[in-house]
Structure formats: structure tokens, C-alpha cells
Amino acid sequence: MKVDSLVIQISSHRPLELKAFYSDVVGLEIDENVGGFKVGSGFIVIDSHDDVSGPNDQPARFLVNLFVDDIASEQARLVAAGVPMIRDRGKEFWGATISTFIDPDGNYFQLIEFRP
């Protein structure tokens, strides 16, 4: 299989609030041509879905990893904005430092600084 691009769709019962969170608080770049957020060479699209209601009851089922250059400053910025963190710069044997935050729908996102 040859994959040309990756788009992750996050379905929400309140997509406008979730879009505002990722734009205004997390600071992801909006790509108007796609209607979602540019993340590296891929995209995150937030939309509604008839089968989705309420917060995510299994937030560890999928983890979206956002690789950043300076995890300390990104985490501090998010914490100052009131974003809950459930992991604080944990060290991995493979060279990464990982912090995990929770979005308004209860999804887990990870900030990863990778310095092997």
C-alpha cells in the first residue's frame, strides 16, 4: 500500500468547541483548503458524527502524538491555559520525553520531544 497523506478525523458532539480549543489554546495551524489543522505533513479534521455523543469513555484507545521541539515551554503554555495534564514529561528508554494532555472531549494527546 502506498499512502499519499494522513488525515485523522476526530468526531465530536461539539465540534465547534473542539476546533476552537485546538486553534486558540493548543495553537494548531488551520489549513482552510482542508478544513482542518496542519500537523507536520498530515492533518487533523474535527467534525460531528451521528454516532458520537458525550465525552470519550476510552481515551487511551488512540493517542495522537504531536512532536515538538521544546516540550517544557509547550506544556507550560497549555497548563497556564488550564489544559489538564495526566503525564508530566515522562522519560522513555528510546529517547523521548512525553507529556499527555486531555482535550475538552476527553481525548488524550501527547506532546513528544524526541532527542535520541
N, C-alpha and C. Protein backbone atom coordinates (compact mmCIF):
# COMPACT_ATOMS: atom_id res chain seq x y z
N MET A 1 0.84 -1.18 0.00
CA MET A 1 0.00 0.00 0.00
C MET A 1 0.88 1.24 0.00
N LYS A 2 0.58 2.15 -0.86
CA LYS A 2 1.26 3.43 -0.89
C LYS A 2 0.28 4.49 -0.39
N VAL A 3 0.61 5.11 0.72
CA VAL A 3 -0.24 6.13 1.30
C VAL A 3 0.34 7.49 0.96
N ASP A 4 -0.48 8.37 0.40
CA ASP A 4 -0.02 9.69 0.00
C ASP A 4 -0.12 10.73 1.10
N SER A 5 -1.06 10.54 2.01
CA SER A 5 -1.25 11.53 3.06
C SER A 5 -2.00 10.88 4.22
N LEU A 6 -2.02 11.55 5.35
CA LEU A 6 -2.74 11.06 6.51
C LEU A 6 -3.63 12.17 7.04
N VAL A 7 -4.90 11.84 7.24
CA VAL A 7 -5.85 12.75 7.87
C VAL A 7 -6.48 11.98 9.02
N ILE A 8 -6.39 12.52 10.21
CA ILE A 8 -7.05 11.94 11.36
C ILE A 8 -8.32 12.75 11.59
N GLN A 9 -9.46 12.06 11.60
CA GLN A 9 -10.72 12.74 11.89
C GLN A 9 -11.11 12.44 13.32
N ILE A 10 -11.38 13.50 14.07
CA ILE A 10 -11.88 13.36 15.42
C ILE A 10 -13.34 13.79 15.39
N SER A 11 -14.22 12.87 15.74
CA SER A 11 -15.65 13.18 15.75
C SER A 11 -16.04 13.64 17.15
N SER A 12 -16.93 14.61 17.19
CA SER A 12 -17.33 15.20 18.46
C SER A 12 -18.80 15.57 18.43
N HIS A 13 -19.42 15.60 19.60
CA HIS A 13 -20.79 16.08 19.71
C HIS A 13 -20.81 17.61 19.78
N ARG A 14 -19.63 18.21 19.90
CA ARG A 14 -19.50 19.67 19.93
C ARG A 14 -18.26 20.09 19.14
N PRO A 15 -18.29 19.91 17.83
CA PRO A 15 -17.09 20.15 17.03
C PRO A 15 -16.60 21.59 17.03
N LEU A 16 -17.50 22.56 17.13
CA LEU A 16 -17.05 23.95 17.11
C LEU A 16 -16.21 24.28 18.35
N GLU A 17 -16.61 23.76 19.51
CA GLU A 17 -15.83 23.98 20.73
C GLU A 17 -14.47 23.29 20.63
N LEU A 18 -14.47 22.07 20.09
CA LEU A 18 -13.21 21.34 19.97
C LEU A 18 -12.27 22.02 18.97
N LYS A 19 -12.82 22.51 17.86
CA LYS A 19 -12.00 23.25 16.88
C LYS A 19 -11.38 24.49 17.52
N ALA A 20 -12.17 25.21 18.30
CA ALA A 20 -11.66 26.42 18.98
C ALA A 20 -10.55 26.05 19.96
N PHE A 21 -10.70 24.95 20.68
CA PHE A 21 -9.67 24.51 21.61
C PHE A 21 -8.36 24.25 20.88
N TYR A 22 -8.41 23.52 19.78
CA TYR A 22 -7.17 23.19 19.06
C TYR A 22 -6.57 24.39 18.33
N SER A 23 -7.40 25.32 17.96
CA SER A 23 -6.89 26.53 17.32
C SER A 23 -6.38 27.54 18.35
N ASP A 24 -7.24 27.91 19.28
CA ASP A 24 -6.95 29.01 20.20
C ASP A 24 -6.07 28.62 21.38
N VAL A 25 -6.23 27.41 21.90
CA VAL A 25 -5.48 27.00 23.08
C VAL A 25 -4.23 26.21 22.71
N VAL A 26 -4.41 25.14 21.93
CA VAL A 26 -3.25 24.33 21.55
C VAL A 26 -2.39 25.07 20.53
N GLY A 27 -3.01 25.84 19.64
CA GLY A 27 -2.27 26.64 18.68
C GLY A 27 -1.93 25.92 17.39
N LEU A 28 -2.75 24.94 17.01
CA LEU A 28 -2.50 24.27 15.73
C LEU A 28 -2.89 25.18 14.58
N GLU A 29 -2.17 25.03 13.49
CA GLU A 29 -2.36 25.87 12.30
C GLU A 29 -3.53 25.35 11.47
N ILE A 30 -4.50 26.22 11.18
CA ILE A 30 -5.65 25.86 10.37
C ILE A 30 -5.29 25.93 8.90
N ASP A 31 -5.64 24.90 8.16
CA ASP A 31 -5.48 24.89 6.70
C ASP A 31 -6.87 25.00 6.10
N GLU A 32 -7.20 26.16 5.60
CA GLU A 32 -8.55 26.42 5.08
C GLU A 32 -8.89 25.53 3.88
N ASN A 33 -7.89 25.11 3.11
CA ASN A 33 -8.15 24.25 1.95
C ASN A 33 -8.65 22.87 2.36
N VAL A 34 -8.19 22.40 3.51
CA VAL A 34 -8.57 21.08 4.00
C VAL A 34 -9.74 21.17 4.98
N GLY A 35 -9.83 22.31 5.66
CA GLY A 35 -10.86 22.46 6.68
C GLY A 35 -10.45 21.83 7.99
N GLY A 36 -9.16 21.69 8.18
CA GLY A 36 -8.65 21.09 9.40
C GLY A 36 -7.33 21.71 9.79
N PHE A 37 -6.63 21.04 10.68
CA PHE A 37 -5.38 21.54 11.22
C PHE A 37 -4.20 20.84 10.57
N LYS A 38 -3.23 21.62 10.16
CA LYS A 38 -1.99 21.10 9.59
C LYS A 38 -1.10 20.64 10.73
N VAL A 39 -0.69 19.38 10.71
CA VAL A 39 0.22 18.83 11.71
C VAL A 39 1.30 18.06 10.96
N GLY A 40 2.48 18.66 10.88
CA GLY A 40 3.55 18.04 10.10
C GLY A 40 3.11 17.92 8.65
N SER A 41 3.17 16.71 8.11
CA SER A 41 2.74 16.50 6.73
C SER A 41 1.32 15.94 6.66
N GLY A 42 0.62 15.89 7.79
CA GLY A 42 -0.74 15.38 7.81
C GLY A 42 -1.71 16.42 8.32
N PHE A 43 -2.92 15.97 8.62
CA PHE A 43 -3.98 16.87 9.05
C PHE A 43 -4.82 16.22 10.14
N ILE A 44 -5.39 17.06 10.99
CA ILE A 44 -6.42 16.64 11.93
C ILE A 44 -7.68 17.41 11.56
N VAL A 45 -8.75 16.68 11.31
CA VAL A 45 -10.03 17.27 10.97
C VAL A 45 -11.00 16.96 12.10
N ILE A 46 -11.75 17.96 12.52
CA ILE A 46 -12.74 17.77 13.59
C ILE A 46 -14.11 18.00 12.99
N ASP A 47 -15.00 17.05 13.24
CA ASP A 47 -16.33 17.12 12.66
C ASP A 47 -17.33 16.45 13.61
N SER A 48 -18.59 16.61 13.31
CA SER A 48 -19.62 15.92 14.08
C SER A 48 -19.86 14.55 13.46
N HIS A 49 -20.52 13.68 14.23
CA HIS A 49 -20.87 12.35 13.73
C HIS A 49 -22.12 11.90 14.48
N ASP A 50 -23.06 11.32 13.74
CA ASP A 50 -24.33 10.90 14.35
C ASP A 50 -24.15 9.87 15.47
N ASP A 51 -23.08 9.08 15.43
CA ASP A 51 -22.87 8.02 16.42
C ASP A 51 -22.05 8.47 17.62
N VAL A 52 -21.76 9.77 17.74
CA VAL A 52 -20.92 10.26 18.82
C VAL A 52 -21.72 11.20 19.72
N SER A 53 -21.66 10.92 21.02
CA SER A 53 -22.26 11.83 21.99
C SER A 53 -21.45 11.74 23.28
N GLY A 54 -21.37 12.84 23.98
CA GLY A 54 -20.67 12.86 25.26
C GLY A 54 -19.16 12.72 25.11
N PRO A 55 -18.47 12.71 26.26
CA PRO A 55 -17.01 12.60 26.24
C PRO A 55 -16.55 11.19 25.86
N ASN A 56 -15.31 11.08 25.45
CA ASN A 56 -14.70 9.81 25.08
C ASN A 56 -14.57 8.95 26.34
N ASP A 57 -15.16 7.76 26.33
CA ASP A 57 -15.09 6.91 27.52
C ASP A 57 -13.92 5.92 27.48
N GLN A 58 -13.13 5.93 26.39
CA GLN A 58 -11.92 5.12 26.30
C GLN A 58 -10.80 5.96 25.67
N PRO A 59 -10.35 7.00 26.37
CA PRO A 59 -9.42 7.95 25.76
C PRO A 59 -8.04 7.38 25.44
N ALA A 60 -7.67 6.27 26.02
CA ALA A 60 -6.35 5.70 25.71
C ALA A 60 -6.40 4.78 24.50
N ARG A 61 -7.58 4.60 23.91
CA ARG A 61 -7.70 3.71 22.75
C ARG A 61 -6.83 4.19 21.59
N PHE A 62 -6.79 5.48 21.36
CA PHE A 62 -5.87 6.03 20.38
C PHE A 62 -5.21 7.26 20.97
N LEU A 63 -3.95 7.43 20.67
CA LEU A 63 -3.19 8.57 21.16
C LEU A 63 -2.65 9.33 19.96
N VAL A 64 -2.91 10.61 19.91
CA VAL A 64 -2.36 11.44 18.86
C VAL A 64 -1.08 12.06 19.41
N ASN A 65 0.02 11.81 18.73
CA ASN A 65 1.33 12.28 19.17
C ASN A 65 1.75 13.51 18.39
N LEU A 66 2.00 14.59 19.09
CA LEU A 66 2.46 15.84 18.49
C LEU A 66 3.92 16.03 18.87
N PHE A 67 4.80 15.87 17.90
CA PHE A 67 6.23 16.03 18.16
C PHE A 67 6.58 17.52 18.17
N VAL A 68 7.21 17.95 19.26
CA VAL A 68 7.54 19.36 19.46
C VAL A 68 9.03 19.51 19.76
N ASP A 69 9.56 20.72 19.52
CA ASP A 69 10.97 20.98 19.78
C ASP A 69 11.26 21.27 21.26
N ASP A 70 10.30 21.88 21.96
CA ASP A 70 10.53 22.29 23.34
C ASP A 70 9.31 21.92 24.18
N ILE A 71 9.31 20.71 24.72
CA ILE A 71 8.16 20.20 25.46
C ILE A 71 7.89 21.02 26.72
N ALA A 72 8.93 21.50 27.38
CA ALA A 72 8.75 22.26 28.62
C ALA A 72 7.94 23.53 28.37
N SER A 73 8.29 24.28 27.33
CA SER A 73 7.56 25.53 27.08
C SER A 73 6.16 25.27 26.54
N GLU A 74 5.99 24.25 25.69
CA GLU A 74 4.66 23.94 25.18
C GLU A 74 3.74 23.47 26.31
N GLN A 75 4.27 22.62 27.17
CA GLN A 75 3.47 22.14 28.29
C GLN A 75 3.12 23.29 29.23
N ALA A 76 4.06 24.13 29.54
CA ALA A 76 3.81 25.27 30.43
C ALA A 76 2.72 26.18 29.86
N ARG A 77 2.76 26.40 28.56
CA ARG A 77 1.76 27.24 27.90
C ARG A 77 0.37 26.61 28.02
N LEU A 78 0.27 25.31 27.79
CA LEU A 78 -1.02 24.63 27.87
C LEU A 78 -1.55 24.60 29.31
N VAL A 79 -0.67 24.31 30.26
CA VAL A 79 -1.08 24.28 31.67
C VAL A 79 -1.57 25.67 32.10
N ALA A 80 -0.88 26.72 31.68
CA ALA A 80 -1.30 28.09 32.01
C ALA A 80 -2.68 28.40 31.44
N ALA A 81 -3.04 27.75 30.33
CA ALA A 81 -4.34 27.95 29.72
C ALA A 81 -5.40 27.03 30.33
N GLY A 82 -5.02 26.24 31.34
CA GLY A 82 -5.97 25.39 32.03
C GLY A 82 -6.16 24.00 31.45
N VAL A 83 -5.25 23.58 30.58
CA VAL A 83 -5.36 22.26 29.96
C VAL A 83 -4.85 21.21 30.95
N PRO A 84 -5.67 20.20 31.25
CA PRO A 84 -5.23 19.17 32.20
C PRO A 84 -4.18 18.24 31.61
N MET A 85 -3.14 18.00 32.38
CA MET A 85 -2.08 17.06 32.00
C MET A 85 -2.22 15.81 32.87
N ILE A 86 -2.10 14.64 32.24
CA ILE A 86 -2.14 13.41 33.03
C ILE A 86 -0.78 12.72 33.04
N ARG A 87 0.16 13.24 32.27
CA ARG A 87 1.54 12.75 32.32
C ARG A 87 2.45 13.96 32.17
N ASP A 88 3.46 14.03 33.01
CA ASP A 88 4.34 15.20 33.06
C ASP A 88 5.76 14.81 32.69
N ARG A 89 6.11 14.99 31.45
CA ARG A 89 7.46 14.81 30.91
C ARG A 89 8.11 13.50 31.35
N GLY A 90 7.39 12.42 31.12
CA GLY A 90 7.94 11.10 31.40
C GLY A 90 9.03 10.74 30.40
N LYS A 91 10.06 10.09 30.87
CA LYS A 91 11.19 9.71 30.03
C LYS A 91 10.99 8.28 29.49
N GLU A 92 11.25 8.11 28.22
CA GLU A 92 11.16 6.80 27.58
C GLU A 92 12.56 6.29 27.26
N PHE A 93 12.74 4.98 27.29
CA PHE A 93 14.05 4.37 27.04
C PHE A 93 14.56 4.66 25.63
N TRP A 94 13.66 4.97 24.71
CA TRP A 94 14.06 5.18 23.32
C TRP A 94 14.40 6.64 23.01
N GLY A 95 14.45 7.48 24.04
CA GLY A 95 14.95 8.84 23.86
C GLY A 95 13.90 9.93 23.87
N ALA A 96 12.65 9.59 24.09
CA ALA A 96 11.59 10.60 24.07
C ALA A 96 11.23 11.05 25.47
N THR A 97 10.72 12.27 25.54
CA THR A 97 10.08 12.80 26.72
C THR A 97 8.63 13.04 26.33
N ILE A 98 7.69 12.54 27.15
CA ILE A 98 6.27 12.58 26.77
C ILE A 98 5.43 13.19 27.87
N SER A 99 4.58 14.13 27.49
CA SER A 99 3.54 14.66 28.35
C SER A 99 2.20 14.40 27.66
N THR A 100 1.19 14.08 28.45
CA THR A 100 -0.11 13.78 27.87
C THR A 100 -1.14 14.76 28.42
N PHE A 101 -1.93 15.35 27.50
CA PHE A 101 -3.00 16.25 27.94
C PHE A 101 -4.35 15.72 27.47
N ILE A 102 -5.40 16.26 28.09
CA ILE A 102 -6.77 15.85 27.79
C ILE A 102 -7.50 17.03 27.14
N ASP A 103 -8.14 16.75 26.00
CA ASP A 103 -8.91 17.81 25.35
C ASP A 103 -10.33 17.88 25.94
N PRO A 104 -11.15 18.87 25.55
CA PRO A 104 -12.48 19.02 26.13
C PRO A 104 -13.42 17.82 25.93
N ASP A 105 -13.14 16.96 24.97
CA ASP A 105 -13.96 15.76 24.77
C ASP A 105 -13.40 14.54 25.49
N GLY A 106 -12.30 14.71 26.21
CA GLY A 106 -11.70 13.61 26.96
C GLY A 106 -10.70 12.80 26.17
N ASN A 107 -10.33 13.24 24.96
CA ASN A 107 -9.32 12.54 24.16
C ASN A 107 -7.92 12.83 24.70
N TYR A 108 -7.03 11.85 24.60
CA TYR A 108 -5.65 12.03 25.02
C TYR A 108 -4.78 12.43 23.83
N PHE A 109 -4.00 13.47 24.02
CA PHE A 109 -3.00 13.90 23.05
C PHE A 109 -1.66 13.94 23.78
N GLN A 110 -0.61 13.58 23.08
CA GLN A 110 0.70 13.57 23.70
C GLN A 110 1.63 14.56 23.02
N LEU A 111 2.34 15.32 23.84
CA LEU A 111 3.46 16.13 23.36
C LEU A 111 4.70 15.26 23.49
N ILE A 112 5.47 15.18 22.43
CA ILE A 112 6.67 14.36 22.46
C ILE A 112 7.86 15.18 21.98
N GLU A 113 8.89 15.21 22.82
CA GLU A 113 10.18 15.77 22.43
C GLU A 113 11.12 14.59 22.27
N PHE A 114 11.66 14.42 21.09
CA PHE A 114 12.49 13.26 20.80
C PHE A 114 13.94 13.70 20.59
N ARG A 115 14.78 13.27 21.51
CA ARG A 115 16.22 13.55 21.44
C ARG A 115 16.98 12.27 21.74
N PRO A 116 17.20 11.46 20.69
CA PRO A 116 17.86 10.16 20.92
C PRO A 116 19.31 10.32 21.38
